[in-house]
Amino acid sequence: MHVHGSGPIDPAAFGGPSLQDYAALARDAQARGFTDEAGMIALASERGWNPADTKAALDGWVQRMGESMAVGQQFRKLLGY
């Protein structure tokens, strides 16, 4: 995936879920009332995702969104905002 202004977004860089996967996980977590990272990781485990890879991806995407407004905007778009 490429987000204008942020360069290519490589999900493999974090060893886990893509930005699209992270947004889908966040939507599901919100719908189910999960409010913390542990809940998100538990939900990801239900999907068959490796917990360590999920943690690395969540941390990586949060960092990337903090560094690039374009990535944050893409994430919000994927969330439906």
N, C-alpha and C. Protein backbone atom coordinates (compact mmCIF):
# COMPACT_ATOMS: atom_id res chain seq x y z
N MET A 1 0.85 -1.17 0.00
CA MET A 1 0.00 0.00 0.00
C MET A 1 0.89 1.23 0.00
N HIS A 2 0.43 2.26 -0.67
CA HIS A 2 1.15 3.53 -0.70
C HIS A 2 0.19 4.62 -0.25
N VAL A 3 0.61 5.41 0.71
CA VAL A 3 -0.18 6.55 1.16
C VAL A 3 0.56 7.80 0.74
N HIS A 4 -0.10 8.65 -0.03
CA HIS A 4 0.52 9.87 -0.52
C HIS A 4 1.12 10.66 0.64
N GLY A 5 2.38 10.99 0.52
CA GLY A 5 3.05 11.79 1.54
C GLY A 5 3.76 10.97 2.59
N SER A 6 3.57 9.65 2.58
CA SER A 6 4.22 8.84 3.61
C SER A 6 5.12 7.77 3.01
N GLY A 7 5.07 7.60 1.72
CA GLY A 7 5.82 6.54 1.09
C GLY A 7 5.07 5.23 1.21
N PRO A 8 5.66 4.16 0.72
CA PRO A 8 4.99 2.87 0.79
C PRO A 8 4.80 2.42 2.23
N ILE A 9 3.70 1.77 2.48
CA ILE A 9 3.44 1.22 3.81
C ILE A 9 3.62 -0.28 3.69
N ASP A 10 4.64 -0.80 4.30
CA ASP A 10 4.99 -2.21 4.18
C ASP A 10 4.60 -2.95 5.44
N PRO A 11 3.52 -3.78 5.40
CA PRO A 11 3.12 -4.49 6.59
C PRO A 11 4.20 -5.45 7.09
N ALA A 12 5.04 -5.94 6.20
CA ALA A 12 6.09 -6.86 6.62
C ALA A 12 7.11 -6.18 7.53
N ALA A 13 7.18 -4.87 7.48
CA ALA A 13 8.14 -4.15 8.32
C ALA A 13 7.86 -4.38 9.80
N PHE A 14 6.62 -4.66 10.14
CA PHE A 14 6.26 -4.90 11.53
C PHE A 14 6.07 -6.38 11.82
N GLY A 15 6.14 -7.22 10.81
CA GLY A 15 6.01 -8.65 11.00
C GLY A 15 4.60 -9.09 11.34
N GLY A 16 3.61 -8.30 11.00
CA GLY A 16 2.26 -8.69 11.37
C GLY A 16 1.21 -8.03 10.51
N PRO A 17 0.08 -7.73 11.12
CA PRO A 17 -1.08 -7.22 10.39
C PRO A 17 -0.80 -5.92 9.63
N SER A 18 -1.45 -5.81 8.49
CA SER A 18 -1.37 -4.59 7.68
C SER A 18 -2.17 -3.47 8.35
N LEU A 19 -2.06 -2.28 7.80
CA LEU A 19 -2.84 -1.16 8.31
C LEU A 19 -4.34 -1.45 8.16
N GLN A 20 -4.72 -2.08 7.05
CA GLN A 20 -6.12 -2.45 6.85
C GLN A 20 -6.57 -3.45 7.91
N ASP A 21 -5.72 -4.44 8.20
CA ASP A 21 -6.03 -5.43 9.23
C ASP A 21 -6.16 -4.75 10.60
N TYR A 22 -5.26 -3.83 10.89
CA TYR A 22 -5.28 -3.12 12.17
C TYR A 22 -6.58 -2.33 12.31
N ALA A 23 -7.00 -1.67 11.24
CA ALA A 23 -8.25 -0.90 11.29
C ALA A 23 -9.45 -1.83 11.50
N ALA A 24 -9.47 -2.97 10.81
CA ALA A 24 -10.57 -3.92 10.99
C ALA A 24 -10.58 -4.45 12.43
N LEU A 25 -9.40 -4.73 12.97
CA LEU A 25 -9.30 -5.19 14.35
C LEU A 25 -9.80 -4.11 15.31
N ALA A 26 -9.42 -2.86 15.07
CA ALA A 26 -9.84 -1.76 15.92
C ALA A 26 -11.36 -1.57 15.88
N ARG A 27 -11.95 -1.69 14.69
CA ARG A 27 -13.42 -1.58 14.58
C ARG A 27 -14.10 -2.69 15.37
N ASP A 28 -13.60 -3.90 15.23
CA ASP A 28 -14.18 -5.04 15.94
C ASP A 28 -14.00 -4.88 17.45
N ALA A 29 -12.82 -4.44 17.86
CA ALA A 29 -12.55 -4.24 19.29
C ALA A 29 -13.51 -3.20 19.87
N GLN A 30 -13.71 -2.12 19.15
CA GLN A 30 -14.62 -1.07 19.61
C GLN A 30 -16.04 -1.62 19.73
N ALA A 31 -16.48 -2.38 18.74
CA ALA A 31 -17.83 -2.94 18.75
C ALA A 31 -18.03 -3.91 19.91
N ARG A 32 -16.95 -4.58 20.30
CA ARG A 32 -17.04 -5.58 21.38
C ARG A 32 -16.67 -5.01 22.75
N GLY A 33 -16.34 -3.73 22.80
CA GLY A 33 -16.06 -3.08 24.08
C GLY A 33 -14.66 -3.24 24.61
N PHE A 34 -13.72 -3.69 23.77
CA PHE A 34 -12.32 -3.76 24.19
C PHE A 34 -11.76 -2.35 24.21
N THR A 35 -11.06 -2.00 25.29
CA THR A 35 -10.55 -0.64 25.42
C THR A 35 -9.05 -0.56 25.66
N ASP A 36 -8.36 -1.70 25.60
CA ASP A 36 -6.93 -1.66 25.85
C ASP A 36 -6.19 -2.59 24.89
N GLU A 37 -4.88 -2.47 24.91
CA GLU A 37 -4.04 -3.26 24.02
C GLU A 37 -4.18 -4.75 24.28
N ALA A 38 -4.28 -5.14 25.54
CA ALA A 38 -4.42 -6.56 25.87
C ALA A 38 -5.68 -7.14 25.23
N GLY A 39 -6.76 -6.38 25.27
CA GLY A 39 -8.00 -6.82 24.64
C GLY A 39 -7.85 -6.95 23.14
N MET A 40 -7.14 -6.00 22.54
CA MET A 40 -6.93 -6.07 21.08
C MET A 40 -6.08 -7.29 20.72
N ILE A 41 -5.07 -7.57 21.54
CA ILE A 41 -4.22 -8.73 21.26
C ILE A 41 -5.01 -10.02 21.44
N ALA A 42 -5.87 -10.08 22.46
CA ALA A 42 -6.72 -11.26 22.66
C ALA A 42 -7.65 -11.45 21.46
N LEU A 43 -8.23 -10.37 20.99
CA LEU A 43 -9.11 -10.43 19.83
C LEU A 43 -8.33 -10.89 18.59
N ALA A 44 -7.13 -10.38 18.43
CA ALA A 44 -6.29 -10.80 17.31
C ALA A 44 -5.98 -12.29 17.40
N SER A 45 -5.77 -12.79 18.61
CA SER A 45 -5.50 -14.22 18.79
C SER A 45 -6.69 -15.05 18.34
N GLU A 46 -7.91 -14.54 18.58
CA GLU A 46 -9.11 -15.23 18.10
C GLU A 46 -9.11 -15.34 16.58
N ARG A 47 -8.46 -14.41 15.92
CA ARG A 47 -8.37 -14.41 14.46
C ARG A 47 -7.22 -15.29 13.97
N GLY A 48 -6.47 -15.85 14.89
CA GLY A 48 -5.35 -16.70 14.53
C GLY A 48 -4.04 -15.96 14.33
N TRP A 49 -4.00 -14.69 14.75
CA TRP A 49 -2.78 -13.90 14.62
C TRP A 49 -1.86 -14.20 15.79
N ASN A 50 -0.58 -14.25 15.52
CA ASN A 50 0.42 -14.45 16.56
C ASN A 50 0.45 -13.24 17.49
N PRO A 51 0.33 -13.45 18.81
CA PRO A 51 0.31 -12.31 19.75
C PRO A 51 1.55 -11.42 19.67
N ALA A 52 2.73 -12.01 19.54
CA ALA A 52 3.95 -11.21 19.47
C ALA A 52 3.98 -10.37 18.19
N ASP A 53 3.57 -10.97 17.07
CA ASP A 53 3.52 -10.23 15.81
C ASP A 53 2.48 -9.11 15.89
N THR A 54 1.36 -9.41 16.54
CA THR A 54 0.31 -8.39 16.68
C THR A 54 0.81 -7.23 17.52
N LYS A 55 1.47 -7.51 18.63
CA LYS A 55 2.00 -6.45 19.50
C LYS A 55 3.00 -5.59 18.72
N ALA A 56 3.89 -6.24 17.98
CA ALA A 56 4.87 -5.50 17.19
C ALA A 56 4.18 -4.63 16.14
N ALA A 57 3.15 -5.16 15.50
CA ALA A 57 2.44 -4.39 14.48
C ALA A 57 1.69 -3.22 15.09
N LEU A 58 1.00 -3.45 16.21
CA LEU A 58 0.28 -2.36 16.86
C LEU A 58 1.24 -1.24 17.25
N ASP A 59 2.36 -1.62 17.87
CA ASP A 59 3.36 -0.61 18.24
C ASP A 59 3.91 0.10 17.01
N GLY A 60 4.18 -0.67 15.97
CA GLY A 60 4.73 -0.09 14.75
C GLY A 60 3.77 0.87 14.07
N TRP A 61 2.49 0.48 14.00
CA TRP A 61 1.52 1.37 13.35
C TRP A 61 1.29 2.63 14.17
N VAL A 62 1.24 2.50 15.48
CA VAL A 62 1.08 3.70 16.32
C VAL A 62 2.25 4.64 16.10
N GLN A 63 3.46 4.10 16.08
CA GLN A 63 4.64 4.93 15.84
C GLN A 63 4.57 5.57 14.45
N ARG A 64 4.22 4.78 13.46
CA ARG A 64 4.17 5.30 12.08
C ARG A 64 3.12 6.40 11.95
N MET A 65 1.96 6.22 12.62
CA MET A 65 0.92 7.25 12.57
C MET A 65 1.39 8.53 13.27
N GLY A 66 2.19 8.37 14.33
CA GLY A 66 2.73 9.54 15.02
C GLY A 66 3.74 10.30 14.18
N GLU A 67 4.39 9.60 13.28
CA GLU A 67 5.41 10.21 12.43
C GLU A 67 4.86 10.75 11.11
N SER A 68 3.70 10.24 10.70
CA SER A 68 3.16 10.62 9.39
C SER A 68 1.66 10.88 9.49
N MET A 69 1.29 12.12 9.29
CA MET A 69 -0.13 12.47 9.31
C MET A 69 -0.88 11.69 8.23
N ALA A 70 -0.23 11.43 7.10
CA ALA A 70 -0.88 10.72 6.00
C ALA A 70 -1.26 9.30 6.41
N VAL A 71 -0.40 8.63 7.17
CA VAL A 71 -0.72 7.28 7.63
C VAL A 71 -1.89 7.33 8.61
N GLY A 72 -1.86 8.30 9.52
CA GLY A 72 -2.97 8.46 10.46
C GLY A 72 -4.28 8.74 9.75
N GLN A 73 -4.23 9.57 8.71
CA GLN A 73 -5.44 9.87 7.94
C GLN A 73 -5.95 8.63 7.23
N GLN A 74 -5.05 7.83 6.69
CA GLN A 74 -5.45 6.59 6.02
C GLN A 74 -6.09 5.63 7.02
N PHE A 75 -5.53 5.55 8.22
CA PHE A 75 -6.08 4.68 9.26
C PHE A 75 -7.50 5.13 9.61
N ARG A 76 -7.70 6.42 9.81
CA ARG A 76 -9.04 6.94 10.13
C ARG A 76 -10.01 6.66 8.99
N LYS A 77 -9.53 6.78 7.76
CA LYS A 77 -10.38 6.47 6.61
C LYS A 77 -10.79 5.00 6.64
N LEU A 78 -9.85 4.13 6.94
CA LEU A 78 -10.14 2.69 7.01
C LEU A 78 -11.10 2.38 8.17
N LEU A 79 -11.05 3.21 9.22
CA LEU A 79 -11.98 3.03 10.34
C LEU A 79 -13.39 3.50 9.98
N GLY A 80 -13.49 4.29 8.93
CA GLY A 80 -14.78 4.79 8.51
C GLY A 80 -15.09 6.20 8.98
N TYR A 81 -14.06 6.94 9.42
CA TYR A 81 -14.26 8.32 9.86
C TYR A 81 -14.07 9.28 8.72
